[in-house]
Amino acid sequence: MLSVICLVFIVLYFSSCLKSKRPGIPKDVISVLDIAGINKPQLTKFILNCMEADDSLKLDACYYLLSYSNKNYTSFYSLKDSLGNTYNINPGRFSNLREILLHIDSLEGANGCLEYKADSFSIDFESLNSKQFTDNLFVAFDTYNNNKEWLTYGYSAFKQYILPYRVANEIVEPFRKKLRGLLNDELDNELSFEQNVLKVNRKINSLIQYDERYVKTMHRPLIDELLETGKGNLETINIFKVKAFRSLGFAAAMDYTPALSDTNGWLAWTTVIAPDGNEIHLGACDGGLTEPIVRSLAKIYRRTYFADSNSLFSIKSIKESTPPYLGHYNYIDVSGLYGNNYRFAKKTSSSQKYLFTAVYNDGKWKAVDWSLNKDSIMIFENMAENVVYLPTKWEDKRCLAIDYPFVFKNGDIQVFKPSLKSGNFDLKYYASGKHLMANIKYKLYYWDNTWKVIGDFKYHVDGISASLPLNAIYLIKDDDIFHDERIFAMEDGNQLFY
């Protein structure tokens, strides 16, 4: 009862402060307080803690965290069928990813399509208490101030990439003291900034390894669980890495691409930002991103705590349905930093408010970028070379074509619009370097606003001989659920895969 009375007193006192004519609380923070409901006393107590510290930077950082606390959240998912039945898949009980996929396939055969659905969301301004906010901020500042001699970050970099208490939509937990204690001995003042980053990264890689069995889970383990199992997927490992570097006073963020452009799946990695602005990209292993990986990045985004006004998440309404990764959380587009510099602009007959470009991934077209449909013109910036993009709209939770696929090559754009003319070609591969197998029945398609069947074929010694409509994108598939087929074009009589 005493604690309740104290919190009520804080709210009453704080309300009087808001009415003061002195420079006070920023409007965006006041708007958060106004909707905080029963958690308002906790937020006001956090502000008072920072006021009492008599440090203008700490108070500014407090306002920064609170102003975006209504845009950051934890999400909880479960695997469900169309009737709402829930299924639990423990990756540790399977030997490999193939067994998991076969298990899911058998479940879907009996219960229909399974997909991960969000059960609930925990929004930060409603769920986090004063202690969580305060401890994170004060420990972050202690680390920042103690490291200023050699980690000479400006306050803006600290605020955006060291201070935040979360990386993505994981459960919020204290991490700074625990991870700093675990990794601080790895730092060596006689080494360069990059050498220290790589040394810490190697240590983390020795503690936690990527395990493909965890790809099909949306469970986000807490730090202790992740360290105990020593296994994780791309998201959980990189969330850990970003927190680890932040706990040591390094500016860090998680970069990602929604869908790889020349293979299946998505990709995330940790980027450590040096005080001079240079970036170190940490791949799944000890090194950075390999050249083949960089070539497959159609678009690259950086998860942020702050909301960028140019992101789809910032401008769309909650009720508007948008593709995964693009409209569900804070990010900035950093594709230009990775060398993507092409621009696509074209008139469209679509009436949709938002339009998208998609790449072929995991048997479907997946959106990787968005454009506001303004005056019937779609504009896409910072696009990659040698990546086939498909202009689409988002309808019924899937990408539907609104124009023909295109690719940038040597500064020019090639549009794949099927011709009325045909040509005879010998086909030997279903993906780059992956040979068609004898006595397997394949189905051959070409793209014309949807996949259209050319025919069924069996591979023989001399390959598959087929008549194809010219200037199109093609696809060869069989009935194997593990068949990693890729789209391709014909160039000088040869299959060119994308």
Protein backbone atom coordinates (compact mmCIF):
# COMPACT_ATOMS: atom_id res chain seq x y z
CA MET A 1 0.00 0.00 0.00
CA LEU A 2 2.87 2.35 0.86
CA SER A 3 4.45 1.81 -2.56
CA VAL A 4 1.14 2.55 -4.27
CA ILE A 5 0.77 5.79 -2.27
CA CYS A 6 4.32 6.80 -3.22
CA LEU A 7 3.69 6.19 -6.90
CA VAL A 8 0.45 8.16 -6.79
CA PHE A 9 2.37 11.02 -5.15
CA ILE A 10 4.99 10.83 -7.92
CA VAL A 11 2.30 11.06 -10.61
CA LEU A 12 0.64 14.04 -8.90
CA TYR A 13 3.97 15.77 -8.42
CA PHE A 14 4.99 15.01 -11.98
CA SER A 15 1.69 16.29 -13.38
CA SER A 16 2.35 19.62 -11.69
CA CYS A 17 5.81 19.68 -13.29
CA LEU A 18 4.23 19.23 -16.70
CA LYS A 19 2.15 22.35 -16.13
CA SER A 20 5.23 24.40 -15.27
CA LYS A 21 6.26 27.16 -17.64
CA ARG A 22 9.90 26.05 -17.41
CA PRO A 23 11.39 24.06 -20.29
CA GLY A 24 10.06 20.61 -19.62
CA ILE A 25 9.17 17.26 -21.03
CA PRO A 26 9.25 16.88 -24.83
CA LYS A 27 5.84 16.56 -26.45
CA ASP A 28 6.50 13.07 -27.81
CA VAL A 29 7.32 11.87 -24.28
CA ILE A 30 4.19 13.51 -22.88
CA SER A 31 2.12 11.73 -25.55
CA VAL A 32 3.57 8.39 -24.37
CA LEU A 33 2.82 9.22 -20.73
CA ASP A 34 -0.74 10.14 -21.64
CA ILE A 35 -1.44 6.64 -22.97
CA ALA A 36 0.68 4.66 -20.49
CA GLY A 37 -2.31 3.85 -18.27
CA ILE A 38 -1.43 2.02 -15.07
CA ASN A 39 2.26 1.96 -16.05
CA LYS A 40 2.54 5.77 -16.05
CA PRO A 41 3.96 5.86 -12.48
CA GLN A 42 6.82 3.60 -13.59
CA LEU A 43 7.68 5.86 -16.53
CA THR A 44 7.50 9.01 -14.44
CA LYS A 45 9.72 7.42 -11.78
CA PHE A 46 12.27 6.67 -14.51
CA ILE A 47 12.26 10.34 -15.52
CA LEU A 48 12.66 11.47 -11.91
CA ASN A 49 15.60 9.09 -11.44
CA CYS A 50 17.33 10.73 -14.40
CA MET A 51 16.44 14.23 -13.19
CA GLU A 52 17.98 13.46 -9.84
CA ALA A 53 21.20 12.36 -11.55
CA ASP A 54 21.66 16.04 -12.52
CA ASP A 55 23.11 15.04 -15.89
CA SER A 56 21.57 16.65 -18.99
CA LEU A 57 22.74 13.80 -21.25
CA LYS A 58 21.15 11.17 -19.04
CA LEU A 59 17.89 13.08 -19.01
CA ASP A 60 18.02 13.49 -22.80
CA ALA A 61 18.72 9.75 -23.15
CA CYS A 62 15.78 9.02 -20.86
CA TYR A 63 13.49 11.09 -23.07
CA TYR A 64 14.92 9.35 -26.14
CA LEU A 65 14.12 5.88 -24.80
CA LEU A 66 10.62 6.85 -23.67
CA SER A 67 9.72 8.67 -26.88
CA TYR A 68 10.11 5.42 -28.85
CA SER A 69 8.90 3.02 -26.17
CA ASN A 70 5.45 2.95 -27.77
CA LYS A 71 6.99 1.73 -31.05
CA ASN A 72 9.05 -1.12 -29.59
CA TYR A 73 7.64 -4.41 -28.38
CA THR A 74 8.15 -8.09 -27.67
CA SER A 75 6.22 -10.52 -29.84
CA PHE A 76 5.19 -14.06 -28.89
CA TYR A 77 4.56 -16.63 -31.62
CA SER A 78 3.24 -20.17 -31.86
CA LEU A 79 2.96 -22.66 -34.71
CA LYS A 80 -0.71 -23.14 -35.60
CA ASP A 81 -2.92 -24.77 -38.21
CA SER A 82 -5.95 -23.16 -39.86
CA LEU A 83 -8.18 -24.23 -36.93
CA GLY A 84 -5.96 -22.57 -34.37
CA ASN A 85 -4.44 -25.77 -32.96
CA THR A 86 -0.92 -25.20 -31.61
CA TYR A 87 2.09 -27.42 -32.31
CA ASN A 88 5.38 -27.41 -30.44
CA ILE A 89 8.53 -28.43 -32.29
CA ASN A 90 11.63 -28.84 -30.15
CA PRO A 91 14.64 -28.59 -32.50
CA GLY A 92 16.87 -30.50 -30.06
CA ARG A 93 14.79 -33.65 -30.54
CA PHE A 94 15.67 -33.90 -34.23
CA SER A 95 18.97 -34.88 -35.83
CA ASN A 96 18.86 -32.28 -38.59
CA LEU A 97 16.69 -29.76 -40.41
CA ARG A 98 15.58 -32.33 -42.97
CA GLU A 99 13.91 -34.40 -40.23
CA ILE A 100 12.11 -31.28 -38.96
CA LEU A 101 10.86 -30.39 -42.44
CA LEU A 102 9.62 -33.94 -42.98
CA HIS A 103 7.86 -33.81 -39.60
CA ILE A 104 6.18 -30.49 -40.49
CA ASP A 105 5.23 -31.91 -43.89
CA SER A 106 3.54 -34.89 -42.22
CA LEU A 107 1.68 -32.60 -39.82
CA GLU A 108 0.48 -30.45 -42.70
CA GLY A 109 -0.68 -33.55 -44.55
CA ALA A 110 -2.98 -34.33 -41.66
CA ASN A 111 -3.88 -30.86 -40.38
CA GLY A 112 -3.44 -28.41 -43.25
CA CYS A 113 -0.90 -25.63 -43.67
CA LEU A 114 1.03 -24.68 -40.52
CA GLU A 115 2.38 -21.20 -39.93
CA TYR A 116 3.75 -19.12 -37.10
CA LYS A 117 1.19 -16.64 -35.83
CA ALA A 118 1.61 -13.88 -33.28
CA ASP A 119 -0.28 -14.75 -30.11
CA SER A 120 0.41 -11.51 -28.28
CA PHE A 121 2.56 -8.42 -28.07
CA SER A 122 4.08 -6.72 -25.06
CA ILE A 123 4.62 -3.02 -25.80
CA ASP A 124 7.51 -1.50 -23.86
CA PHE A 125 5.82 1.61 -22.48
CA GLU A 126 3.09 -0.59 -21.01
CA SER A 127 5.24 -3.43 -19.69
CA LEU A 128 8.70 -2.22 -18.64
CA ASN A 129 9.20 -0.82 -15.16
CA SER A 130 11.34 2.00 -13.83
CA LYS A 131 14.13 -0.31 -12.66
CA GLN A 132 14.52 -1.90 -16.08
CA PHE A 133 14.75 1.47 -17.80
CA THR A 134 16.97 3.06 -15.13
CA ASP A 135 19.45 0.21 -14.70
CA ASN A 136 19.95 -0.09 -18.45
CA LEU A 137 20.55 3.63 -18.85
CA PHE A 138 22.91 4.09 -15.90
CA VAL A 139 25.06 1.03 -16.70
CA ALA A 140 25.23 2.07 -20.37
CA PHE A 141 26.46 5.53 -19.34
CA ASP A 142 29.03 4.07 -16.95
CA THR A 143 30.46 1.96 -19.76
CA TYR A 144 30.37 4.90 -22.19
CA ASN A 145 32.14 7.29 -19.81
CA ASN A 146 34.75 4.73 -18.71
CA ASN A 147 35.70 3.89 -22.33
CA LYS A 148 35.95 7.43 -23.72
CA GLU A 149 39.75 7.31 -23.89
CA TRP A 150 39.77 4.71 -26.64
CA LEU A 151 36.13 4.35 -27.75
CA THR A 152 35.63 7.96 -28.72
CA TYR A 153 32.01 7.79 -29.82
CA GLY A 154 29.95 10.92 -30.09
CA TYR A 155 26.80 11.13 -28.03
CA SER A 156 24.53 10.55 -31.05
CA ALA A 157 26.21 7.21 -31.88
CA PHE A 158 26.01 6.20 -28.22
CA LYS A 159 22.34 7.04 -28.00
CA GLN A 160 21.37 5.16 -31.13
CA TYR A 161 23.63 2.08 -31.05
CA ILE A 162 24.88 1.54 -27.48
CA LEU A 163 22.12 2.79 -25.18
CA PRO A 164 19.07 0.77 -26.40
CA TYR A 165 17.94 -2.07 -24.14
CA ARG A 166 16.65 -4.19 -27.03
CA VAL A 167 17.82 -5.22 -30.51
CA ALA A 168 14.71 -6.70 -32.11
CA ASN A 169 11.44 -8.12 -30.72
CA GLU A 170 13.09 -10.31 -28.09
CA ILE A 171 12.11 -10.42 -24.42
CA VAL A 172 13.75 -7.51 -22.60
CA GLU A 173 16.22 -8.60 -19.93
CA PRO A 174 19.25 -7.01 -18.22
CA PHE A 175 22.33 -7.93 -20.23
CA ARG A 176 25.06 -5.34 -19.78
CA LYS A 177 26.78 -6.48 -16.57
CA LYS A 178 26.42 -10.17 -17.39
CA LEU A 179 27.86 -9.98 -20.91
CA ARG A 180 30.53 -7.44 -19.97
CA GLY A 181 31.69 -9.80 -17.23
CA LEU A 182 31.74 -12.67 -19.72
CA LEU A 183 33.68 -10.87 -22.46
CA ASN A 184 35.60 -7.96 -20.97
CA ASP A 185 38.82 -10.00 -20.63
CA GLU A 186 38.87 -10.39 -24.43
CA LEU A 187 39.66 -6.69 -24.90
CA ASP A 188 43.27 -5.68 -25.37
CA ASN A 189 44.24 -1.99 -25.52
CA GLU A 190 47.34 -2.87 -27.54
CA LEU A 191 45.19 -4.20 -30.38
CA SER A 192 43.41 -2.09 -32.97
CA PHE A 193 39.67 -1.46 -32.88
CA GLU A 194 39.04 -4.05 -35.60
CA GLN A 195 41.29 -6.64 -33.96
CA ASN A 196 39.36 -6.27 -30.71
CA VAL A 197 36.05 -6.64 -32.53
CA LEU A 198 37.20 -9.81 -34.28
CA LYS A 199 38.62 -11.22 -31.06
CA VAL A 200 35.32 -10.71 -29.21
CA ASN A 201 33.45 -12.18 -32.18
CA ARG A 202 35.60 -15.32 -32.13
CA LYS A 203 34.89 -15.75 -28.43
CA ILE A 204 31.15 -15.47 -28.98
CA ASN A 205 31.37 -17.96 -31.85
CA SER A 206 33.07 -20.41 -29.50
CA LEU A 207 30.17 -20.06 -27.06
CA ILE A 208 27.23 -20.17 -29.48
CA GLN A 209 27.10 -21.84 -32.88
CA TYR A 210 24.59 -21.54 -35.67
CA ASP A 211 22.46 -24.71 -35.88
CA GLU A 212 20.13 -25.16 -38.85
CA ARG A 213 17.70 -27.14 -36.68
CA TYR A 214 16.72 -23.86 -35.00
CA VAL A 215 15.74 -22.18 -38.28
CA LYS A 216 12.11 -23.26 -37.97
CA THR A 217 11.51 -21.91 -34.49
CA MET A 218 10.28 -18.50 -33.37
CA HIS A 219 11.33 -19.12 -29.78
CA ARG A 220 13.67 -16.38 -28.58
CA PRO A 221 15.76 -17.75 -25.71
CA LEU A 222 17.03 -15.63 -22.85
CA ILE A 223 20.79 -15.18 -22.51
CA ASP A 224 21.29 -17.99 -19.98
CA GLU A 225 19.34 -20.48 -22.10
CA LEU A 226 21.29 -19.55 -25.22
CA LEU A 227 24.61 -19.96 -23.42
CA GLU A 228 23.49 -23.27 -21.94
CA THR A 229 22.44 -24.85 -25.24
CA GLY A 230 25.21 -23.16 -27.23
CA LYS A 231 22.96 -23.32 -30.30
CA GLY A 232 20.85 -20.76 -32.09
CA ASN A 233 19.51 -19.38 -35.35
CA LEU A 234 20.59 -16.23 -37.16
CA GLU A 235 18.25 -13.96 -35.23
CA THR A 236 19.01 -15.20 -31.73
CA ILE A 237 22.78 -15.31 -32.30
CA ASN A 238 22.94 -11.80 -33.74
CA ILE A 239 20.71 -10.36 -31.04
CA PHE A 240 23.20 -11.84 -28.56
CA LYS A 241 26.17 -10.42 -30.46
CA VAL A 242 24.76 -6.92 -30.69
CA LYS A 243 24.02 -6.91 -26.96
CA ALA A 244 27.48 -8.27 -26.23
CA PHE A 245 29.22 -5.48 -28.13
CA ARG A 246 26.96 -2.84 -26.62
CA SER A 247 27.75 -4.16 -23.15
CA LEU A 248 31.45 -3.50 -23.89
CA GLY A 249 30.77 0.02 -25.16
CA PHE A 250 30.89 -0.71 -28.92
CA ALA A 251 28.21 0.73 -31.19
CA ALA A 252 26.48 -2.21 -32.85
CA ALA A 253 23.33 -3.12 -34.75
CA MET A 254 21.75 -6.08 -36.55
CA ASP A 255 21.58 -5.75 -40.34
CA TYR A 256 19.44 -8.08 -42.43
CA THR A 257 17.96 -8.81 -45.81
CA PRO A 258 14.31 -9.98 -45.93
CA ALA A 259 15.06 -12.60 -48.60
CA LEU A 260 18.24 -13.68 -50.36
CA SER A 261 18.07 -13.14 -54.10
CA ASP A 262 19.86 -16.27 -55.36
CA THR A 263 18.98 -18.91 -52.76
CA ASN A 264 16.37 -19.64 -50.11
CA GLY A 265 16.00 -18.02 -46.72
CA TRP A 266 16.87 -14.66 -45.24
CA LEU A 267 20.09 -13.43 -43.65
CA ALA A 268 21.04 -11.38 -40.60
CA TRP A 269 24.45 -10.33 -39.32
CA THR A 270 26.02 -8.01 -36.77
CA THR A 271 27.52 -4.68 -37.78
CA VAL A 272 29.93 -2.96 -35.40
CA ILE A 273 30.34 0.76 -36.06
CA ALA A 274 33.70 2.36 -35.29
CA PRO A 275 33.94 5.86 -33.78
CA ASP A 276 35.12 7.16 -37.17
CA GLY A 277 32.00 5.72 -38.86
CA ASN A 278 33.67 2.73 -40.54
CA GLU A 279 31.73 -0.51 -40.24
CA ILE A 280 32.78 -4.10 -39.56
CA HIS A 281 30.33 -6.73 -40.77
CA LEU A 282 30.45 -10.01 -38.87
CA GLY A 283 29.26 -13.07 -40.78
CA ALA A 284 28.18 -16.40 -39.33
CA CYS A 285 31.79 -17.48 -38.93
CA ASP A 286 34.87 -15.57 -37.77
CA GLY A 287 35.16 -13.51 -40.94
CA GLY A 288 32.99 -10.88 -42.57
CA LEU A 289 30.42 -11.19 -45.32
CA THR A 290 31.77 -13.12 -48.30
CA GLU A 291 31.52 -11.77 -51.83
CA PRO A 292 28.88 -14.35 -52.90
CA ILE A 293 26.74 -13.31 -49.91
CA VAL A 294 27.04 -9.60 -50.75
CA ARG A 295 26.01 -10.33 -54.34
CA SER A 296 22.79 -11.96 -53.10
CA LEU A 297 21.64 -8.96 -51.02
CA ALA A 298 18.81 -7.35 -52.95
CA LYS A 299 18.09 -4.92 -50.09
CA ILE A 300 19.69 -4.39 -46.68
CA TYR A 301 18.06 -2.91 -43.59
CA ARG A 302 19.31 -2.08 -40.10
CA ARG A 303 17.17 -2.75 -37.04
CA THR A 304 16.93 0.38 -34.93
CA TYR A 305 15.39 1.44 -31.66
CA PHE A 306 14.45 4.81 -33.12
CA ALA A 307 11.75 5.18 -35.77
CA ASP A 308 12.89 6.46 -39.16
CA SER A 309 10.24 8.60 -40.84
CA ASN A 310 11.12 7.03 -44.21
CA SER A 311 10.33 3.48 -43.11
CA LEU A 312 7.05 1.76 -43.90
CA PHE A 313 6.57 1.00 -40.20
CA SER A 314 6.54 4.72 -39.45
CA ILE A 315 3.97 5.79 -42.02
CA LYS A 316 1.51 2.88 -42.26
CA SER A 317 -1.44 2.36 -39.97
CA ILE A 318 -1.58 -0.69 -37.70
CA LYS A 319 -4.54 -2.07 -39.63
CA GLU A 320 -2.74 -2.04 -42.99
CA SER A 321 -1.34 -5.44 -43.93
CA THR A 322 2.19 -5.41 -45.32
CA PRO A 323 4.84 -8.07 -46.10
CA PRO A 324 7.06 -9.49 -43.34
CA TYR A 325 10.20 -7.53 -42.38
CA LEU A 326 9.02 -4.31 -44.08
CA GLY A 327 6.14 -2.92 -42.04
CA HIS A 328 6.44 -4.51 -38.62
CA TYR A 329 9.21 -2.68 -36.75
CA ASN A 330 11.82 0.12 -36.81
CA TYR A 331 14.61 0.02 -39.39
CA ILE A 332 16.61 2.18 -41.75
CA ASP A 333 17.58 1.32 -45.33
CA VAL A 334 21.36 0.90 -45.49
CA SER A 335 21.50 -0.73 -48.93
CA GLY A 336 23.55 2.17 -50.28
CA LEU A 337 26.29 1.48 -47.74
CA TYR A 338 26.68 -1.99 -49.29
CA GLY A 339 27.03 -0.68 -52.84
CA ASN A 340 23.41 -0.91 -54.04
CA ASN A 341 22.86 2.27 -56.05
CA TYR A 342 20.35 1.62 -58.83
CA ARG A 343 17.00 3.38 -59.09
CA PHE A 344 13.79 2.07 -60.67
CA ALA A 345 10.88 4.40 -61.48
CA LYS A 346 7.85 3.56 -63.60
CA LYS A 347 4.20 4.39 -64.03
CA THR A 348 1.76 1.81 -62.77
CA SER A 349 -1.91 1.05 -63.26
CA SER A 350 -2.20 -0.39 -59.75
CA SER A 351 -4.42 1.45 -57.29
CA GLN A 352 -2.72 -0.03 -54.21
CA LYS A 353 -1.32 2.52 -51.74
CA TYR A 354 1.95 0.61 -51.29
CA LEU A 355 3.81 -1.35 -53.95
CA PHE A 356 6.76 -3.70 -53.56
CA THR A 357 9.64 -5.37 -55.35
CA ALA A 358 10.14 -9.06 -54.66
CA VAL A 359 12.82 -11.68 -55.30
CA TYR A 360 12.27 -15.39 -55.90
CA ASN A 361 12.95 -17.22 -52.65
CA ASP A 362 11.82 -20.53 -51.18
CA GLY A 363 9.41 -21.25 -54.03
CA LYS A 364 7.64 -17.88 -54.03
CA TRP A 365 8.16 -14.18 -54.65
CA LYS A 366 9.08 -12.43 -51.38
CA ALA A 367 8.98 -8.67 -50.93
CA VAL A 368 12.28 -6.92 -50.17
CA ASP A 369 11.43 -3.25 -50.77
CA TRP A 370 8.44 -0.92 -50.86
CA SER A 371 7.29 2.25 -52.57
CA LEU A 372 4.48 4.68 -51.96
CA ASN A 373 2.20 4.69 -54.99
CA LYS A 374 2.12 8.43 -55.62
CA ASP A 375 0.44 9.78 -58.76
CA SER A 376 0.52 6.22 -60.20
CA ILE A 377 4.31 6.11 -60.11
CA MET A 378 6.39 3.57 -58.19
CA ILE A 379 9.97 4.46 -57.24
CA PHE A 380 12.50 2.07 -55.74
CA GLU A 381 15.93 3.29 -54.60
CA ASN A 382 19.24 1.59 -53.76
CA MET A 383 18.72 -1.57 -55.79
CA ALA A 384 21.36 -4.17 -56.60
CA GLU A 385 22.94 -5.29 -59.85
CA ASN A 386 22.35 -8.81 -61.25
CA VAL A 387 19.27 -9.40 -59.10
CA VAL A 388 15.90 -10.20 -60.68
CA TYR A 389 13.19 -8.05 -59.10
CA LEU A 390 9.46 -8.42 -59.62
CA PRO A 391 7.16 -5.38 -59.10
CA THR A 392 4.25 -6.57 -56.96
CA LYS A 393 1.32 -5.59 -54.80
CA TRP A 394 0.50 -7.19 -51.44
CA GLU A 395 -2.88 -8.88 -51.44
CA ASP A 396 -4.27 -11.81 -49.44
CA LYS A 397 -0.92 -12.03 -47.61
CA ARG A 398 1.07 -12.72 -50.75
CA CYS A 399 2.91 -10.88 -53.50
CA LEU A 400 1.03 -10.57 -56.79
CA ALA A 401 2.75 -9.31 -59.95
CA ILE A 402 1.83 -5.89 -61.34
CA ASP A 403 4.57 -5.75 -63.99
CA TYR A 404 7.31 -7.85 -65.57
CA PRO A 405 10.53 -8.93 -63.80
CA PHE A 406 13.65 -6.90 -64.47
CA VAL A 407 17.38 -6.89 -63.73
CA PHE A 408 20.09 -4.21 -63.74
CA LYS A 409 23.21 -5.10 -65.74
CA ASN A 410 26.16 -2.80 -66.36
CA GLY A 411 23.99 0.24 -65.77
CA ASP A 412 21.21 -0.91 -68.11
CA ILE A 413 17.89 -2.49 -67.26
CA GLN A 414 16.63 -5.70 -68.86
CA VAL A 415 12.91 -6.49 -68.65
CA PHE A 416 11.81 -10.12 -68.96
CA LYS A 417 8.64 -9.85 -71.02
CA PRO A 418 7.95 -13.13 -72.84
CA SER A 419 8.07 -12.91 -76.60
CA LEU A 420 5.61 -14.51 -79.01
CA LYS A 421 8.65 -16.13 -80.61
CA SER A 422 10.16 -19.36 -79.28
CA GLY A 423 13.55 -21.03 -79.38
CA ASN A 424 14.80 -24.56 -78.83
CA PHE A 425 17.24 -25.05 -75.95
CA ASP A 426 18.97 -27.90 -74.13
CA LEU A 427 18.56 -27.64 -70.35
CA LYS A 428 20.87 -29.49 -67.97
CA TYR A 429 20.53 -27.77 -64.59
CA TYR A 430 17.75 -26.83 -62.16
CA ALA A 431 19.99 -24.42 -60.16
CA SER A 432 23.51 -23.08 -60.47
CA GLY A 433 25.86 -26.09 -60.51
CA LYS A 434 23.02 -28.52 -59.70
CA HIS A 435 22.55 -31.08 -62.45
CA LEU A 436 19.21 -32.57 -63.44
CA MET A 437 18.92 -36.22 -62.43
CA ALA A 438 18.11 -39.17 -64.70
CA ASN A 439 14.64 -40.75 -64.60
CA ILE A 440 13.18 -37.87 -62.58
CA LYS A 441 10.06 -36.19 -63.91
CA TYR A 442 10.39 -32.42 -64.06
CA LYS A 443 7.93 -29.66 -64.81
CA LEU A 444 9.12 -26.65 -66.79
CA TYR A 445 7.59 -23.17 -66.38
CA TYR A 446 7.99 -19.64 -67.70
CA TRP A 447 6.85 -16.43 -65.99
CA ASP A 448 4.10 -14.27 -67.47
CA ASN A 449 2.42 -12.58 -64.47
CA THR A 450 2.20 -16.09 -63.02
CA TRP A 451 4.03 -19.37 -63.57
CA LYS A 452 2.78 -20.97 -66.79
CA VAL A 453 3.49 -24.60 -67.58
CA ILE A 454 5.54 -25.41 -70.67
CA GLY A 455 5.41 -29.16 -70.12
CA ASP A 456 6.58 -32.26 -68.26
CA PHE A 457 9.99 -33.68 -69.08
CA LYS A 458 12.38 -36.47 -68.11
CA TYR A 459 16.07 -35.82 -68.13
CA HIS A 460 18.17 -37.93 -70.48
CA VAL A 461 21.88 -38.06 -71.25
CA ASP A 462 21.69 -35.12 -73.64
CA GLY A 463 19.56 -33.03 -71.22
CA ILE A 464 16.05 -31.72 -71.65
CA SER A 465 15.32 -30.32 -75.07
CA ALA A 466 12.51 -27.77 -74.93
CA SER A 467 10.92 -24.99 -76.92
CA LEU A 468 10.87 -21.85 -74.75
CA PRO A 469 9.24 -18.45 -75.29
CA LEU A 470 12.11 -15.99 -75.69
CA ASN A 471 13.05 -13.22 -73.25
CA ALA A 472 11.43 -14.82 -70.22
CA ILE A 473 12.30 -16.12 -66.77
CA TYR A 474 12.08 -19.93 -66.41
CA LEU A 475 11.85 -22.50 -63.64
CA ILE A 476 12.35 -26.28 -63.44
CA LYS A 477 10.72 -28.12 -60.53
CA ASP A 478 10.00 -31.64 -59.34
CA ASP A 479 7.89 -33.00 -56.46
CA ASP A 480 10.73 -33.14 -53.91
CA ILE A 481 10.06 -30.75 -50.99
CA PHE A 482 13.83 -30.30 -50.65
CA HIS A 483 14.32 -29.41 -54.31
CA ASP A 484 16.28 -26.12 -54.29
CA GLU A 485 15.25 -24.85 -57.70
CA ARG A 486 16.22 -21.39 -59.00
CA ILE A 487 14.84 -19.08 -61.66
CA PHE A 488 16.96 -18.66 -64.78
CA ALA A 489 17.16 -16.86 -68.11
CA MET A 490 18.74 -18.02 -71.36
CA GLU A 491 21.87 -16.13 -72.45
CA ASP A 492 23.86 -17.20 -75.52
CA GLY A 493 22.11 -20.59 -75.36
CA ASN A 494 23.13 -21.21 -71.74
CA GLN A 495 21.14 -21.20 -68.52
CA LEU A 496 21.91 -18.12 -66.41
CA PHE A 497 20.61 -18.57 -62.87
CA TYR A 498 19.43 -15.88 -60.48
